[in-house]
Amino acid sequence: MARKQVKRQVQQQFQQSASGYLNSSIHASGADLDWIAKEVEAHPSPSLALDLATGTGHTAFVLSRFCRRVIGYDLTPEMRDIAAQEAGRREIDNIT
């Protein structure tokens, strides 16, 4: 299967469920987020963090508490849009 076709299938799959990820308790408050916070907090403040497959931004939001700048990337534009809107709502200004 061609790479572009695979990317498009991923985008189609996740654009349909993007809005549900923001309020999903599994994604919004999982033990993995606490673990990430503890791991990052244990080290000198990183200046930059990259969150690949950020989804609606839950990991990026955690990282933003410890890092000067966070870049969140997701293949699905709808996921990125929701993450950007939520970062604005939370007044998090160090996430791109």
PDB file of N, CA and C in Angstrom:
ATOM      1  N   MET A   1       0.851  -1.172   0.000  1.00  0.00           N
ATOM      2  CA  MET A   1       0.000   0.000   0.000  1.00  0.00           C
ATOM      3  C   MET A   1       0.900   1.239   0.000  1.00  0.00           C
ATOM      4  N   ALA A   2       0.583   2.210  -0.813  1.00  0.00           N
ATOM      5  CA  ALA A   2       1.379   3.421  -0.936  1.00  0.00           C
ATOM      6  C   ALA A   2       1.339   4.218   0.362  1.00  0.00           C
ATOM      7  N   ARG A   3       2.433   4.871   0.661  1.00  0.00           N
ATOM      8  CA  ARG A   3       2.573   5.647   1.895  1.00  0.00           C
ATOM      9  C   ARG A   3       1.477   6.713   2.021  1.00  0.00           C
ATOM     10  N   LYS A   4       1.191   7.419   0.940  1.00  0.00           N
ATOM     11  CA  LYS A   4       0.150   8.452   0.977  1.00  0.00           C
ATOM     12  C   LYS A   4      -1.214   7.848   1.289  1.00  0.00           C
ATOM     13  N   GLN A   5      -1.478   6.679   0.757  1.00  0.00           N
ATOM     14  CA  GLN A   5      -2.759   6.017   1.002  1.00  0.00           C
ATOM     15  C   GLN A   5      -2.876   5.616   2.470  1.00  0.00           C
ATOM     16  N   VAL A   6      -1.795   5.138   3.059  1.00  0.00           N
ATOM     17  CA  VAL A   6      -1.801   4.763   4.475  1.00  0.00           C
ATOM     18  C   VAL A   6      -2.049   6.001   5.332  1.00  0.00           C
ATOM     19  N   LYS A   7      -1.367   7.089   5.027  1.00  0.00           N
ATOM     20  CA  LYS A   7      -1.565   8.326   5.787  1.00  0.00           C
ATOM     21  C   LYS A   7      -3.018   8.783   5.709  1.00  0.00           C
ATOM     22  N   ARG A   8      -3.586   8.705   4.527  1.00  0.00           N
ATOM     23  CA  ARG A   8      -4.974   9.136   4.349  1.00  0.00           C
ATOM     24  C   ARG A   8      -5.929   8.245   5.144  1.00  0.00           C
ATOM     25  N   GLN A   9      -5.664   6.955   5.185  1.00  0.00           N
ATOM     26  CA  GLN A   9      -6.514   6.047   5.964  1.00  0.00           C
ATOM     27  C   GLN A   9      -6.434   6.381   7.453  1.00  0.00           C
ATOM     28  N   VAL A  10      -5.235   6.670   7.928  1.00  0.00           N
ATOM     29  CA  VAL A  10      -5.067   7.052   9.331  1.00  0.00           C
ATOM     30  C   VAL A  10      -5.844   8.337   9.610  1.00  0.00           C
ATOM     31  N   GLN A  11      -5.690   9.319   8.748  1.00  0.00           N
ATOM     32  CA  GLN A  11      -6.403  10.580   8.930  1.00  0.00           C
ATOM     33  C   GLN A  11      -7.914  10.368   8.949  1.00  0.00           C
ATOM     34  N   GLN A  12      -8.425   9.569   8.044  1.00  0.00           N
ATOM     35  CA  GLN A  12      -9.863   9.310   8.000  1.00  0.00           C
ATOM     36  C   GLN A  12     -10.349   8.623   9.265  1.00  0.00           C
ATOM     37  N   GLN A  13      -9.575   7.675   9.745  1.00  0.00           N
ATOM     38  CA  GLN A  13      -9.964   6.947  10.951  1.00  0.00           C
ATOM     39  C   GLN A  13     -10.045   7.892  12.149  1.00  0.00           C
ATOM     40  N   PHE A  14      -9.025   8.729  12.326  1.00  0.00           N
ATOM     41  CA  PHE A  14      -8.972   9.550  13.525  1.00  0.00           C
ATOM     42  C   PHE A  14      -9.766  10.844  13.422  1.00  0.00           C
ATOM     43  N   GLN A  15     -10.030  11.335  12.227  1.00  0.00           N
ATOM     44  CA  GLN A  15     -10.840  12.550  12.131  1.00  0.00           C
ATOM     45  C   GLN A  15     -12.266  12.285  12.591  1.00  0.00           C
ATOM     46  N   GLN A  16     -12.728  11.073  12.438  1.00  0.00           N
ATOM     47  CA  GLN A  16     -14.084  10.721  12.854  1.00  0.00           C
ATOM     48  C   GLN A  16     -14.238  10.680  14.371  1.00  0.00           C
ATOM     49  N   SER A  17     -13.148  10.404  15.061  1.00  0.00           N
ATOM     50  CA  SER A  17     -13.236  10.273  16.516  1.00  0.00           C
ATOM     51  C   SER A  17     -12.457  11.345  17.266  1.00  0.00           C
ATOM     52  N   ALA A  18     -11.972  12.353  16.572  1.00  0.00           N
ATOM     53  CA  ALA A  18     -11.110  13.363  17.189  1.00  0.00           C
ATOM     54  C   ALA A  18     -11.753  14.042  18.389  1.00  0.00           C
ATOM     55  N   SER A  19     -12.989  14.447  18.267  1.00  0.00           N
ATOM     56  CA  SER A  19     -13.630  15.177  19.363  1.00  0.00           C
ATOM     57  C   SER A  19     -13.771  14.328  20.625  1.00  0.00           C
ATOM     58  N   GLY A  20     -13.885  13.040  20.488  1.00  0.00           N
ATOM     59  CA  GLY A  20     -14.007  12.162  21.651  1.00  0.00           C
ATOM     60  C   GLY A  20     -12.728  12.012  22.449  1.00  0.00           C
ATOM     61  N   TYR A  21     -11.592  12.232  21.823  1.00  0.00           N
ATOM     62  CA  TYR A  21     -10.319  12.067  22.516  1.00  0.00           C
ATOM     63  C   TYR A  21     -10.093  13.122  23.593  1.00  0.00           C
ATOM     64  N   LEU A  22     -10.562  14.330  23.366  1.00  0.00           N
ATOM     65  CA  LEU A  22     -10.324  15.406  24.317  1.00  0.00           C
ATOM     66  C   LEU A  22     -10.905  15.084  25.687  1.00  0.00           C
ATOM     67  N   ASN A  23     -12.105  14.539  25.726  1.00  0.00           N
ATOM     68  CA  ASN A  23     -12.779  14.267  26.994  1.00  0.00           C
ATOM     69  C   ASN A  23     -12.704  12.808  27.435  1.00  0.00           C
ATOM     70  N   SER A  24     -11.953  12.009  26.725  1.00  0.00           N
ATOM     71  CA  SER A  24     -11.802  10.605  27.068  1.00  0.00           C
ATOM     72  C   SER A  24     -10.972  10.468  28.347  1.00  0.00           C
ATOM     73  N   SER A  25     -11.545   9.829  29.360  1.00  0.00           N
ATOM     74  CA  SER A  25     -10.816   9.680  30.628  1.00  0.00           C
ATOM     75  C   SER A  25      -9.553   8.836  30.455  1.00  0.00           C
ATOM     76  N   ILE A  26      -9.578   7.918  29.531  1.00  0.00           N
ATOM     77  CA  ILE A  26      -8.394   7.087  29.279  1.00  0.00           C
ATOM     78  C   ILE A  26      -7.244   7.945  28.770  1.00  0.00           C
ATOM     79  N   HIS A  27      -7.546   8.885  27.892  1.00  0.00           N
ATOM     80  CA  HIS A  27      -6.505   9.716  27.305  1.00  0.00           C
ATOM     81  C   HIS A  27      -6.191  10.947  28.159  1.00  0.00           C
ATOM     82  N   ALA A  28      -7.172  11.484  28.847  1.00  0.00           N
ATOM     83  CA  ALA A  28      -7.007  12.742  29.564  1.00  0.00           C
ATOM     84  C   ALA A  28      -6.397  12.603  30.951  1.00  0.00           C
ATOM     85  N   SER A  29      -6.461  11.430  31.554  1.00  0.00           N
ATOM     86  CA  SER A  29      -5.985  11.318  32.932  1.00  0.00           C
ATOM     87  C   SER A  29      -5.395   9.943  33.238  1.00  0.00           C
ATOM     88  N   GLY A  30      -4.773   9.358  32.272  1.00  0.00           N
ATOM     89  CA  GLY A  30      -4.193   8.036  32.487  1.00  0.00           C
ATOM     90  C   GLY A  30      -2.938   8.065  33.344  1.00  0.00           C
ATOM     91  N   ALA A  31      -2.596   6.941  33.903  1.00  0.00           N
ATOM     92  CA  ALA A  31      -1.394   6.817  34.729  1.00  0.00           C
ATOM     93  C   ALA A  31      -0.141   7.152  33.932  1.00  0.00           C
ATOM     94  N   ASP A  32      -0.198   6.970  32.622  1.00  0.00           N
ATOM     95  CA  ASP A  32       0.966   7.288  31.794  1.00  0.00           C
ATOM     96  C   ASP A  32       1.297   8.775  31.852  1.00  0.00           C
ATOM     97  N   LEU A  33       0.304   9.641  31.982  1.00  0.00           N
ATOM     98  CA  LEU A  33       0.569  11.075  32.075  1.00  0.00           C
ATOM     99  C   LEU A  33       1.267  11.417  33.383  1.00  0.00           C
ATOM    100  N   ASP A  34       0.872  10.773  34.473  1.00  0.00           N
ATOM    101  CA  ASP A  34       1.559  10.969  35.752  1.00  0.00           C
ATOM    102  C   ASP A  34       3.004  10.497  35.656  1.00  0.00           C
ATOM    103  N   TRP A  35       3.217   9.366  35.001  1.00  0.00           N
ATOM    104  CA  TRP A  35       4.566   8.828  34.831  1.00  0.00           C
ATOM    105  C   TRP A  35       5.422   9.795  34.017  1.00  0.00           C
ATOM    106  N   ILE A  36       4.872  10.319  32.927  1.00  0.00           N
ATOM    107  CA  ILE A  36       5.612  11.281  32.094  1.00  0.00           C
ATOM    108  C   ILE A  36       5.981  12.507  32.921  1.00  0.00           C
ATOM    109  N   ALA A  37       5.042  13.029  33.689  1.00  0.00           N
ATOM    110  CA  ALA A  37       5.317  14.205  34.519  1.00  0.00           C
ATOM    111  C   ALA A  37       6.452  13.940  35.493  1.00  0.00           C
ATOM    112  N   LYS A  38       6.435  12.786  36.152  1.00  0.00           N
ATOM    113  CA  LYS A  38       7.488  12.451  37.107  1.00  0.00           C
ATOM    114  C   LYS A  38       8.843  12.301  36.423  1.00  0.00           C
ATOM    115  N   GLU A  39       8.861  11.673  35.264  1.00  0.00           N
ATOM    116  CA  GLU A  39      10.114  11.483  34.526  1.00  0.00           C
ATOM    117  C   GLU A  39      10.712  12.820  34.073  1.00  0.00           C
ATOM    118  N   VAL A  40       9.882  13.676  33.544  1.00  0.00           N
ATOM    119  CA  VAL A  40      10.379  14.965  33.052  1.00  0.00           C
ATOM    120  C   VAL A  40      10.774  15.861  34.220  1.00  0.00           C
ATOM    121  N   GLU A  41      10.001  15.847  35.281  1.00  0.00           N
ATOM    122  CA  GLU A  41      10.285  16.673  36.454  1.00  0.00           C
ATOM    123  C   GLU A  41      11.603  16.287  37.120  1.00  0.00           C
ATOM    124  N   ALA A  42      11.997  15.042  36.998  1.00  0.00           N
ATOM    125  CA  ALA A  42      13.215  14.543  37.638  1.00  0.00           C
ATOM    126  C   ALA A  42      14.498  15.031  36.963  1.00  0.00           C
ATOM    127  N   HIS A  43      14.371  15.678  35.823  1.00  0.00           N
ATOM    128  CA  HIS A  43      15.533  16.145  35.071  1.00  0.00           C
ATOM    129  C   HIS A  43      15.525  17.663  34.994  1.00  0.00           C
ATOM    130  N   PRO A  44      16.690  18.245  34.743  1.00  0.00           N
ATOM    131  CA  PRO A  44      16.699  19.704  34.567  1.00  0.00           C
ATOM    132  C   PRO A  44      15.704  20.093  33.475  1.00  0.00           C
ATOM    133  N   SER A  45      15.080  21.227  33.639  1.00  0.00           N
ATOM    134  CA  SER A  45      14.040  21.665  32.701  1.00  0.00           C
ATOM    135  C   SER A  45      14.517  21.617  31.258  1.00  0.00           C
ATOM    136  N   PRO A  46      13.937  20.714  30.479  1.00  0.00           N
ATOM    137  CA  PRO A  46      14.291  20.682  29.056  1.00  0.00           C
ATOM    138  C   PRO A  46      13.773  21.941  28.371  1.00  0.00           C
ATOM    139  N   SER A  47      14.511  22.423  27.397  1.00  0.00           N
ATOM    140  CA  SER A  47      14.047  23.617  26.707  1.00  0.00           C
ATOM    141  C   SER A  47      13.027  23.277  25.630  1.00  0.00           C
ATOM    142  N   LEU A  48      13.054  22.037  25.140  1.00  0.00           N
ATOM    143  CA  LEU A  48      12.165  21.671  24.047  1.00  0.00           C
ATOM    144  C   LEU A  48      11.708  20.227  24.198  1.00  0.00           C
ATOM    145  N   ALA A  49      10.421  20.008  23.945  1.00  0.00           N
ATOM    146  CA  ALA A  49       9.884  18.646  23.915  1.00  0.00           C
ATOM    147  C   ALA A  49       9.087  18.493  22.628  1.00  0.00           C
ATOM    148  N   LEU A  50       9.170  17.327  22.041  1.00  0.00           N
ATOM    149  CA  LEU A  50       8.428  17.008  20.831  1.00  0.00           C
ATOM    150  C   LEU A  50       7.461  15.882  21.149  1.00  0.00           C
ATOM    151  N   ASP A  51       6.182  16.134  20.938  1.00  0.00           N
ATOM    152  CA  ASP A  51       5.139  15.138  21.186  1.00  0.00           C
ATOM    153  C   ASP A  51       4.595  14.677  19.839  1.00  0.00           C
ATOM    154  N   LEU A  52       5.117  13.566  19.370  1.00  0.00           N
ATOM    155  CA  LEU A  52       4.654  13.001  18.107  1.00  0.00           C
ATOM    156  C   LEU A  52       3.382  12.208  18.344  1.00  0.00           C
ATOM    157  N   ALA A  53       2.444  12.312  17.419  1.00  0.00           N
ATOM    158  CA  ALA A  53       1.116  11.702  17.550  1.00  0.00           C
ATOM    159  C   ALA A  53       0.425  12.278  18.787  1.00  0.00           C
ATOM    160  N   THR A  54       0.437  13.589  18.888  1.00  0.00           N
ATOM    161  CA  THR A  54      -0.095  14.294  20.054  1.00  0.00           C
ATOM    162  C   THR A  54      -1.587  14.094  20.265  1.00  0.00           C
ATOM    163  N   GLY A  55      -2.299  13.710  19.219  1.00  0.00           N
ATOM    164  CA  GLY A  55      -3.749  13.563  19.371  1.00  0.00           C
ATOM    165  C   GLY A  55      -4.351  14.897  19.742  1.00  0.00           C
ATOM    166  N   THR A  56      -5.128  14.935  20.799  1.00  0.00           N
ATOM    167  CA  THR A  56      -5.733  16.197  21.227  1.00  0.00           C
ATOM    168  C   THR A  56      -4.900  16.909  22.280  1.00  0.00           C
ATOM    169  N   GLY A  57      -3.651  16.495  22.457  1.00  0.00           N
ATOM    170  CA  GLY A  57      -2.679  17.272  23.213  1.00  0.00           C
ATOM    171  C   GLY A  57      -2.452  16.949  24.672  1.00  0.00           C
ATOM    172  N   HIS A  58      -3.006  15.878  25.192  1.00  0.00           N
ATOM    173  CA  HIS A  58      -2.880  15.614  26.625  1.00  0.00           C
ATOM    174  C   HIS A  58      -1.426  15.495  27.084  1.00  0.00           C
ATOM    175  N   THR A  59      -0.609  14.799  26.336  1.00  0.00           N
ATOM    176  CA  THR A  59       0.801  14.673  26.710  1.00  0.00           C
ATOM    177  C   THR A  59       1.503  16.016  26.578  1.00  0.00           C
ATOM    178  N   ALA A  60       1.205  16.747  25.522  1.00  0.00           N
ATOM    179  CA  ALA A  60       1.807  18.072  25.338  1.00  0.00           C
ATOM    180  C   ALA A  60       1.447  19.003  26.495  1.00  0.00           C
ATOM    181  N   PHE A  61       0.215  18.917  26.990  1.00  0.00           N
ATOM    182  CA  PHE A  61      -0.198  19.764  28.114  1.00  0.00           C
ATOM    183  C   PHE A  61       0.632  19.452  29.357  1.00  0.00           C
ATOM    184  N   VAL A  62       0.880  18.170  29.608  1.00  0.00           N
ATOM    185  CA  VAL A  62       1.717  17.784  30.747  1.00  0.00           C
ATOM    186  C   VAL A  62       3.143  18.304  30.544  1.00  0.00           C
ATOM    187  N   LEU A  63       3.696  18.074  29.366  1.00  0.00           N
ATOM    188  CA  LEU A  63       5.058  18.516  29.087  1.00  0.00           C
ATOM    189  C   LEU A  63       5.208  20.028  29.214  1.00  0.00           C
ATOM    190  N   SER A  64       4.163  20.763  28.898  1.00  0.00           N
ATOM    191  CA  SER A  64       4.238  22.228  28.931  1.00  0.00           C
ATOM    192  C   SER A  64       4.484  22.774  30.334  1.00  0.00           C
ATOM    193  N   ARG A  65       4.195  21.979  31.350  1.00  0.00           N
ATOM    194  CA  ARG A  65       4.442  22.410  32.732  1.00  0.00           C
ATOM    195  C   ARG A  65       5.927  22.391  33.078  1.00  0.00           C
ATOM    196  N   PHE A  66       6.718  21.640  32.314  1.00  0.00           N
ATOM    197  CA  PHE A  66       8.120  21.455  32.654  1.00  0.00           C
ATOM    198  C   PHE A  66       9.087  21.956  31.586  1.00  0.00           C
ATOM    199  N   CYS A  67       8.629  22.128  30.382  1.00  0.00           N
ATOM    200  CA  CYS A  67       9.489  22.485  29.254  1.00  0.00           C
ATOM    201  C   CYS A  67       9.193  23.915  28.810  1.00  0.00           C
ATOM    202  N   ARG A  68      10.238  24.578  28.344  1.00  0.00           N
ATOM    203  CA  ARG A  68      10.028  25.948  27.871  1.00  0.00           C
ATOM    204  C   ARG A  68       9.160  25.989  26.623  1.00  0.00           C
ATOM    205  N   ARG A  69       9.309  24.983  25.761  1.00  0.00           N
ATOM    206  CA  ARG A  69       8.527  24.937  24.520  1.00  0.00           C
ATOM    207  C   ARG A  69       8.187  23.487  24.202  1.00  0.00           C
ATOM    208  N   VAL A  70       6.965  23.271  23.737  1.00  0.00           N
ATOM    209  CA  VAL A  70       6.504  21.941  23.341  1.00  0.00           C
ATOM    210  C   VAL A  70       5.954  22.040  21.920  1.00  0.00           C
ATOM    211  N   ILE A  71       6.374  21.123  21.096  1.00  0.00           N
ATOM    212  CA  ILE A  71       5.822  21.015  19.749  1.00  0.00           C
ATOM    213  C   ILE A  71       5.009  19.733  19.710  1.00  0.00           C
ATOM    214  N   GLY A  72       3.733  19.867  19.411  1.00  0.00           N
ATOM    215  CA  GLY A  72       2.859  18.708  19.277  1.00  0.00           C
ATOM    216  C   GLY A  72       2.531  18.499  17.813  1.00  0.00           C
ATOM    217  N   TYR A  73       2.746  17.302  17.330  1.00  0.00           N
ATOM    218  CA  TYR A  73       2.435  17.005  15.926  1.00  0.00           C
ATOM    219  C   TYR A  73       1.533  15.787  15.852  1.00  0.00           C
ATOM    220  N   ASP A  74       0.573  15.865  14.971  1.00  0.00           N
ATOM    221  CA  ASP A  74      -0.286  14.733  14.697  1.00  0.00           C
ATOM    222  C   ASP A  74      -0.595  14.720  13.211  1.00  0.00           C
ATOM    223  N   LEU A  75      -0.705  13.545  12.650  1.00  0.00           N
ATOM    224  CA  LEU A  75      -0.991  13.385  11.233  1.00  0.00           C
ATOM    225  C   LEU A  75      -2.386  13.888  10.862  1.00  0.00           C
ATOM    226  N   THR A  76      -3.293  13.888  11.821  1.00  0.00           N
ATOM    227  CA  THR A  76      -4.683  14.243  11.566  1.00  0.00           C
ATOM    228  C   THR A  76      -4.941  15.708  11.933  1.00  0.00           C
ATOM    229  N   PRO A  77      -5.265  16.538  10.950  1.00  0.00           N
ATOM    230  CA  PRO A  77      -5.484  17.965  11.211  1.00  0.00           C
ATOM    231  C   PRO A  77      -6.552  18.236  12.270  1.00  0.00           C
ATOM    232  N   GLU A  78      -7.615  17.445  12.301  1.00  0.00           N
ATOM    233  CA  GLU A  78      -8.672  17.651  13.291  1.00  0.00           C
ATOM    234  C   GLU A  78      -8.137  17.482  14.713  1.00  0.00           C
ATOM    235  N   MET A  79      -7.248  16.536  14.915  1.00  0.00           N
ATOM    236  CA  MET A  79      -6.638  16.338  16.235  1.00  0.00           C
ATOM    237  C   MET A  79      -5.804  17.564  16.605  1.00  0.00           C
ATOM    238  N   ARG A  80      -4.992  18.037  15.677  1.00  0.00           N
ATOM    239  CA  ARG A  80      -4.157  19.212  15.942  1.00  0.00           C
ATOM    240  C   ARG A  80      -5.019  20.434  16.253  1.00  0.00           C
ATOM    241  N   ASP A  81      -6.113  20.606  15.515  1.00  0.00           N
ATOM    242  CA  ASP A  81      -6.992  21.751  15.745  1.00  0.00           C
ATOM    243  C   ASP A  81      -7.595  21.719  17.146  1.00  0.00           C
ATOM    244  N   ILE A  82      -8.047  20.565  17.557  1.00  0.00           N
ATOM    245  CA  ILE A  82      -8.624  20.426  18.898  1.00  0.00           C
ATOM    246  C   ILE A  82      -7.563  20.700  19.963  1.00  0.00           C
ATOM    247  N   ALA A  83      -6.362  20.176  19.767  1.00  0.00           N
ATOM    248  CA  ALA A  83      -5.271  20.416  20.724  1.00  0.00           C
ATOM    249  C   ALA A  83      -4.959  21.907  20.819  1.00  0.00           C
ATOM    250  N   ALA A  84      -4.900  22.585  19.697  1.00  0.00           N
ATOM    251  CA  ALA A  84      -4.609  24.027  19.699  1.00  0.00           C
ATOM    252  C   ALA A  84      -5.713  24.804  20.405  1.00  0.00           C
ATOM    253  N   GLN A  85      -6.957  24.457  20.139  1.00  0.00           N
ATOM    254  CA  GLN A  85      -8.078  25.132  20.801  1.00  0.00           C
ATOM    255  C   GLN A  85      -8.039  24.919  22.313  1.00  0.00           C
ATOM    256  N   GLU A  86      -7.750  23.684  22.722  1.00  0.00           N
ATOM    257  CA  GLU A  86      -7.710  23.380  24.153  1.00  0.00           C
ATOM    258  C   GLU A  86      -6.532  24.070  24.831  1.00  0.00           C
ATOM    259  N   ALA A  87      -5.389  24.149  24.165  1.00  0.00           N
ATOM    260  CA  ALA A  87      -4.241  24.875  24.726  1.00  0.00           C
ATOM    261  C   ALA A  87      -4.621  26.340  24.938  1.00  0.00           C
ATOM    262  N   GLY A  88      -5.331  26.915  23.989  1.00  0.00           N
ATOM    263  CA  GLY A  88      -5.796  28.289  24.136  1.00  0.00           C
ATOM    264  C   GLY A  88      -6.776  28.437  25.283  1.00  0.00           C
ATOM    265  N   ARG A  89      -7.704  27.495  25.386  1.00  0.00           N
ATOM    266  CA  ARG A  89      -8.684  27.550  26.474  1.00  0.00           C
ATOM    267  C   ARG A  89      -8.006  27.470  27.830  1.00  0.00           C
ATOM    268  N   ARG A  90      -6.955  26.655  27.906  1.00  0.00           N
ATOM    269  CA  ARG A  90      -6.207  26.495  29.158  1.00  0.00           C
ATOM    270  C   ARG A  90      -5.159  27.588  29.360  1.00  0.00           C
ATOM    271  N   GLU A  91      -5.042  28.473  28.383  1.00  0.00           N
ATOM    272  CA  GLU A  91      -4.064  29.554  28.417  1.00  0.00           C
ATOM    273  C   GLU A  91      -2.637  29.040  28.503  1.00  0.00           C
ATOM    274  N   ILE A  92      -2.368  27.977  27.761  1.00  0.00           N
ATOM    275  CA  ILE A  92      -1.013  27.419  27.649  1.00  0.00           C
ATOM    276  C   ILE A  92      -0.395  28.040  26.406  1.00  0.00           C
ATOM    277  N   ASP A  93       0.629  28.843  26.604  1.00  0.00           N
ATOM    278  CA  ASP A  93       1.182  29.566  25.466  1.00  0.00           C
ATOM    279  C   ASP A  93       2.548  29.068  24.998  1.00  0.00           C
ATOM    280  N   ASN A  94       3.019  27.963  25.547  1.00  0.00           N
ATOM    281  CA  ASN A  94       4.318  27.448  25.120  1.00  0.00           C
ATOM    282  C   ASN A  94       4.198  26.170  24.278  1.00  0.00           C
ATOM    283  N   ILE A  95       3.021  25.942  23.707  1.00  0.00           N
ATOM    284  CA  ILE A  95       2.804  24.788  22.836  1.00  0.00           C
ATOM    285  C   ILE A  95       2.556  25.283  21.421  1.00  0.00           C
ATOM    286  N   THR A  96       3.246  24.659  20.494  1.00  0.00           N
ATOM    287  CA  THR A  96       3.028  24.905  19.062  1.00  0.00           C
ATOM    288  C   THR A  96       2.474  23.652  18.465  1.00  0.00           C
TER     289      THR A  96
END
